[in-house]
């Protein structure tokens, strides 16, 4: 059975890594997400991800938390798509960029498309 957890080690927390991701990463948009990813060859394969729901679009914390939880769950269930053969260090940021609260089904479909496009570029 594949590992479907999302431990702290798989979350992007380092300020330097976040800065490098946004300065030299590649980006795209798949509704309702803007995504940025950065990959570099490494000896061991590691994937770290960052989830963000800006306060600019959703002022209330309970809405931001709901959308962040839905995004994390969608990623957690589909992260096995990123398990490629090549050892690569991948950093990924998923930024929710819609003013509407969309359903989990829409979020899950968008996350799947994002992961497939990132794997395609690797």
C-alpha atoms as a PDB file:
ATOM      1  CA  UNK A   1       0.000   0.000   0.000  1.00  0.00           C
ATOM      2  CA  UNK A   2       1.462   3.389  -0.939  1.00  0.00           C
ATOM      3  CA  UNK A   3       2.295   5.874   1.757  1.00  0.00           C
ATOM      4  CA  UNK A   4      -0.517   8.416   1.826  1.00  0.00           C
ATOM      5  CA  UNK A   5       0.559  10.534   4.759  1.00  0.00           C
ATOM      6  CA  UNK A   6       1.847  14.090   4.577  1.00  0.00           C
ATOM      7  CA  UNK A   7       4.566  14.345   7.236  1.00  0.00           C
ATOM      8  CA  UNK A   8       6.328  17.535   8.183  1.00  0.00           C
ATOM      9  CA  UNK A   9       9.425  16.452   6.232  1.00  0.00           C
ATOM     10  CA  UNK A  10       7.425  16.722   2.989  1.00  0.00           C
ATOM     11  CA  UNK A  11       6.393  20.325   3.604  1.00  0.00           C
ATOM     12  CA  UNK A  12       8.464  23.185   2.269  1.00  0.00           C
ATOM     13  CA  UNK A  13       9.528  25.208   5.307  1.00  0.00           C
ATOM     14  CA  UNK A  14      13.023  26.534   4.657  1.00  0.00           C
ATOM     15  CA  UNK A  15      13.089  30.263   3.892  1.00  0.00           C
ATOM     16  CA  UNK A  16      16.033  29.778   1.530  1.00  0.00           C
ATOM     17  CA  UNK A  17      14.244  27.007  -0.371  1.00  0.00           C
ATOM     18  CA  UNK A  18      11.081  29.120  -0.675  1.00  0.00           C
ATOM     19  CA  UNK A  19      13.104  32.087  -1.933  1.00  0.00           C
ATOM     20  CA  UNK A  20      14.912  29.883  -4.484  1.00  0.00           C
ATOM     21  CA  UNK A  21      11.579  28.400  -5.591  1.00  0.00           C
ATOM     22  CA  UNK A  22       9.984  31.762  -6.336  1.00  0.00           C
ATOM     23  CA  UNK A  23      13.127  33.340  -7.850  1.00  0.00           C
ATOM     24  CA  UNK A  24      14.154  30.588 -10.242  1.00  0.00           C
ATOM     25  CA  UNK A  25      11.208  28.195 -10.437  1.00  0.00           C
ATOM     26  CA  UNK A  26       8.826  27.621 -13.320  1.00  0.00           C
ATOM     27  CA  UNK A  27       5.187  28.526 -12.920  1.00  0.00           C
ATOM     28  CA  UNK A  28       1.796  27.908 -14.435  1.00  0.00           C
ATOM     29  CA  UNK A  29      -1.911  28.302 -13.828  1.00  0.00           C
ATOM     30  CA  UNK A  30      -4.605  25.664 -13.696  1.00  0.00           C
ATOM     31  CA  UNK A  31      -7.888  26.942 -12.262  1.00  0.00           C
ATOM     32  CA  UNK A  32      -8.086  27.635  -9.308  1.00  0.00           C
ATOM     33  CA  UNK A  33      -4.346  27.324  -8.608  1.00  0.00           C
ATOM     34  CA  UNK A  34      -1.211  29.151  -9.556  1.00  0.00           C
ATOM     35  CA  UNK A  35       1.673  26.743  -9.117  1.00  0.00           C
ATOM     36  CA  UNK A  36       5.433  27.176  -9.001  1.00  0.00           C
ATOM     37  CA  UNK A  37       7.925  24.328  -9.103  1.00  0.00           C
ATOM     38  CA  UNK A  38      11.681  23.972  -9.013  1.00  0.00           C
ATOM     39  CA  UNK A  39      13.609  20.756  -9.620  1.00  0.00           C
ATOM     40  CA  UNK A  40      17.284  19.939  -9.380  1.00  0.00           C
ATOM     41  CA  UNK A  41      19.112  16.607  -9.690  1.00  0.00           C
ATOM     42  CA  UNK A  42      20.025  15.055  -6.362  1.00  0.00           C
ATOM     43  CA  UNK A  43      21.271  11.753  -5.006  1.00  0.00           C
ATOM     44  CA  UNK A  44      18.013  11.019  -3.201  1.00  0.00           C
ATOM     45  CA  UNK A  45      14.529  11.816  -4.385  1.00  0.00           C
ATOM     46  CA  UNK A  46      12.654  14.271  -2.209  1.00  0.00           C
ATOM     47  CA  UNK A  47       9.461  16.206  -2.804  1.00  0.00           C
ATOM     48  CA  UNK A  48       8.515  19.182  -0.658  1.00  0.00           C
ATOM     49  CA  UNK A  49       5.293  21.111  -1.105  1.00  0.00           C
ATOM     50  CA  UNK A  50       3.922  24.457   0.088  1.00  0.00           C
ATOM     51  CA  UNK A  51       0.195  25.287   0.324  1.00  0.00           C
ATOM     52  CA  UNK A  52      -1.034  28.861   0.337  1.00  0.00           C
ATOM     53  CA  UNK A  53      -4.423  30.568   0.372  1.00  0.00           C
ATOM     54  CA  UNK A  54      -3.851  34.353   0.303  1.00  0.00           C
ATOM     55  CA  UNK A  55      -5.672  36.641   2.686  1.00  0.00           C
ATOM     56  CA  UNK A  56      -6.146  39.016  -0.249  1.00  0.00           C
ATOM     57  CA  UNK A  57      -8.890  36.797  -1.705  1.00  0.00           C
ATOM     58  CA  UNK A  58     -10.326  35.189   1.444  1.00  0.00           C
ATOM     59  CA  UNK A  59     -10.430  37.476   4.464  1.00  0.00           C
ATOM     60  CA  UNK A  60     -11.943  34.975   6.891  1.00  0.00           C
ATOM     61  CA  UNK A  61      -9.568  32.422   8.415  1.00  0.00           C
ATOM     62  CA  UNK A  62     -12.153  29.631   8.424  1.00  0.00           C
ATOM     63  CA  UNK A  63     -12.461  29.884   4.609  1.00  0.00           C
ATOM     64  CA  UNK A  64      -8.678  29.883   4.156  1.00  0.00           C
ATOM     65  CA  UNK A  65      -8.356  26.862   6.444  1.00  0.00           C
ATOM     66  CA  UNK A  66     -11.112  25.002   4.568  1.00  0.00           C
ATOM     67  CA  UNK A  67      -9.461  25.587   1.205  1.00  0.00           C
ATOM     68  CA  UNK A  68      -6.008  24.722   2.541  1.00  0.00           C
ATOM     69  CA  UNK A  69      -7.362  21.477   4.056  1.00  0.00           C
ATOM     70  CA  UNK A  70      -9.052  20.510   0.796  1.00  0.00           C
ATOM     71  CA  UNK A  71      -5.845  21.190  -1.131  1.00  0.00           C
ATOM     72  CA  UNK A  72      -3.701  19.189   1.297  1.00  0.00           C
ATOM     73  CA  UNK A  73      -6.087  16.246   1.132  1.00  0.00           C
ATOM     74  CA  UNK A  74      -6.162  16.281  -2.674  1.00  0.00           C
ATOM     75  CA  UNK A  75      -2.358  16.396  -2.801  1.00  0.00           C
ATOM     76  CA  UNK A  76      -1.956  13.712  -0.144  1.00  0.00           C
ATOM     77  CA  UNK A  77      -4.131  11.246  -2.065  1.00  0.00           C
ATOM     78  CA  UNK A  78      -2.439  11.916  -5.419  1.00  0.00           C
ATOM     79  CA  UNK A  79       1.199  12.503  -4.506  1.00  0.00           C
ATOM     80  CA  UNK A  80       2.147   9.059  -5.815  1.00  0.00           C
ATOM     81  CA  UNK A  81       2.054  10.607  -9.323  1.00  0.00           C
ATOM     82  CA  UNK A  82       5.333  12.386  -8.459  1.00  0.00           C
ATOM     83  CA  UNK A  83       7.219   9.164  -7.756  1.00  0.00           C
ATOM     84  CA  UNK A  84       9.396   9.184 -10.863  1.00  0.00           C
ATOM     85  CA  UNK A  85      12.457   6.993 -11.476  1.00  0.00           C
ATOM     86  CA  UNK A  86      14.916   9.870 -11.677  1.00  0.00           C
ATOM     87  CA  UNK A  87      16.356  11.055  -8.359  1.00  0.00           C
ATOM     88  CA  UNK A  88      15.394  14.697  -8.206  1.00  0.00           C
ATOM     89  CA  UNK A  89      14.809  17.260  -5.488  1.00  0.00           C
ATOM     90  CA  UNK A  90      11.424  18.831  -6.271  1.00  0.00           C
ATOM     91  CA  UNK A  91       9.911  21.870  -4.559  1.00  0.00           C
ATOM     92  CA  UNK A  92       6.299  22.720  -5.372  1.00  0.00           C
ATOM     93  CA  UNK A  93       4.041  25.592  -4.288  1.00  0.00           C
ATOM     94  CA  UNK A  94       0.268  25.454  -4.748  1.00  0.00           C
ATOM     95  CA  UNK A  95      -1.295  28.907  -4.419  1.00  0.00           C
ATOM     96  CA  UNK A  96      -5.084  29.111  -4.421  1.00  0.00           C
ATOM     97  CA  UNK A  97      -5.920  32.049  -6.705  1.00  0.00           C
ATOM     98  CA  UNK A  98      -9.695  32.179  -6.952  1.00  0.00           C
ATOM     99  CA  UNK A  99     -12.123  34.375  -5.055  1.00  0.00           C
ATOM    100  CA  UNK A 100     -14.758  31.622  -5.008  1.00  0.00           C
ATOM    101  CA  UNK A 101     -14.805  28.600  -2.724  1.00  0.00           C
ATOM    102  CA  UNK A 102     -14.823  25.665  -5.137  1.00  0.00           C
ATOM    103  CA  UNK A 103     -15.741  22.068  -4.365  1.00  0.00           C
ATOM    104  CA  UNK A 104     -13.276  19.400  -3.336  1.00  0.00           C
ATOM    105  CA  UNK A 105     -13.844  17.602  -6.633  1.00  0.00           C
ATOM    106  CA  UNK A 106     -12.673  20.658  -8.610  1.00  0.00           C
ATOM    107  CA  UNK A 107      -9.633  21.080  -6.359  1.00  0.00           C
ATOM    108  CA  UNK A 108      -8.704  17.396  -6.645  1.00  0.00           C
ATOM    109  CA  UNK A 109      -8.967  17.508 -10.435  1.00  0.00           C
ATOM    110  CA  UNK A 110      -6.803  20.646 -10.615  1.00  0.00           C
ATOM    111  CA  UNK A 111      -4.158  19.166  -8.300  1.00  0.00           C
ATOM    112  CA  UNK A 112      -4.053  16.007 -10.439  1.00  0.00           C
ATOM    113  CA  UNK A 113      -3.546  18.073 -13.603  1.00  0.00           C
ATOM    114  CA  UNK A 114      -0.801  20.117 -11.909  1.00  0.00           C
ATOM    115  CA  UNK A 115       1.069  17.013 -10.751  1.00  0.00           C
ATOM    116  CA  UNK A 116       0.779  15.446 -14.203  1.00  0.00           C
ATOM    117  CA  UNK A 117       2.148  18.582 -15.878  1.00  0.00           C
ATOM    118  CA  UNK A 118       5.083  18.786 -13.445  1.00  0.00           C
ATOM    119  CA  UNK A 119       5.935  15.093 -14.045  1.00  0.00           C
ATOM    120  CA  UNK A 120       5.713  15.730 -17.801  1.00  0.00           C
ATOM    121  CA  UNK A 121       8.344  18.478 -17.537  1.00  0.00           C
ATOM    122  CA  UNK A 122      10.688  16.330 -15.444  1.00  0.00           C
END
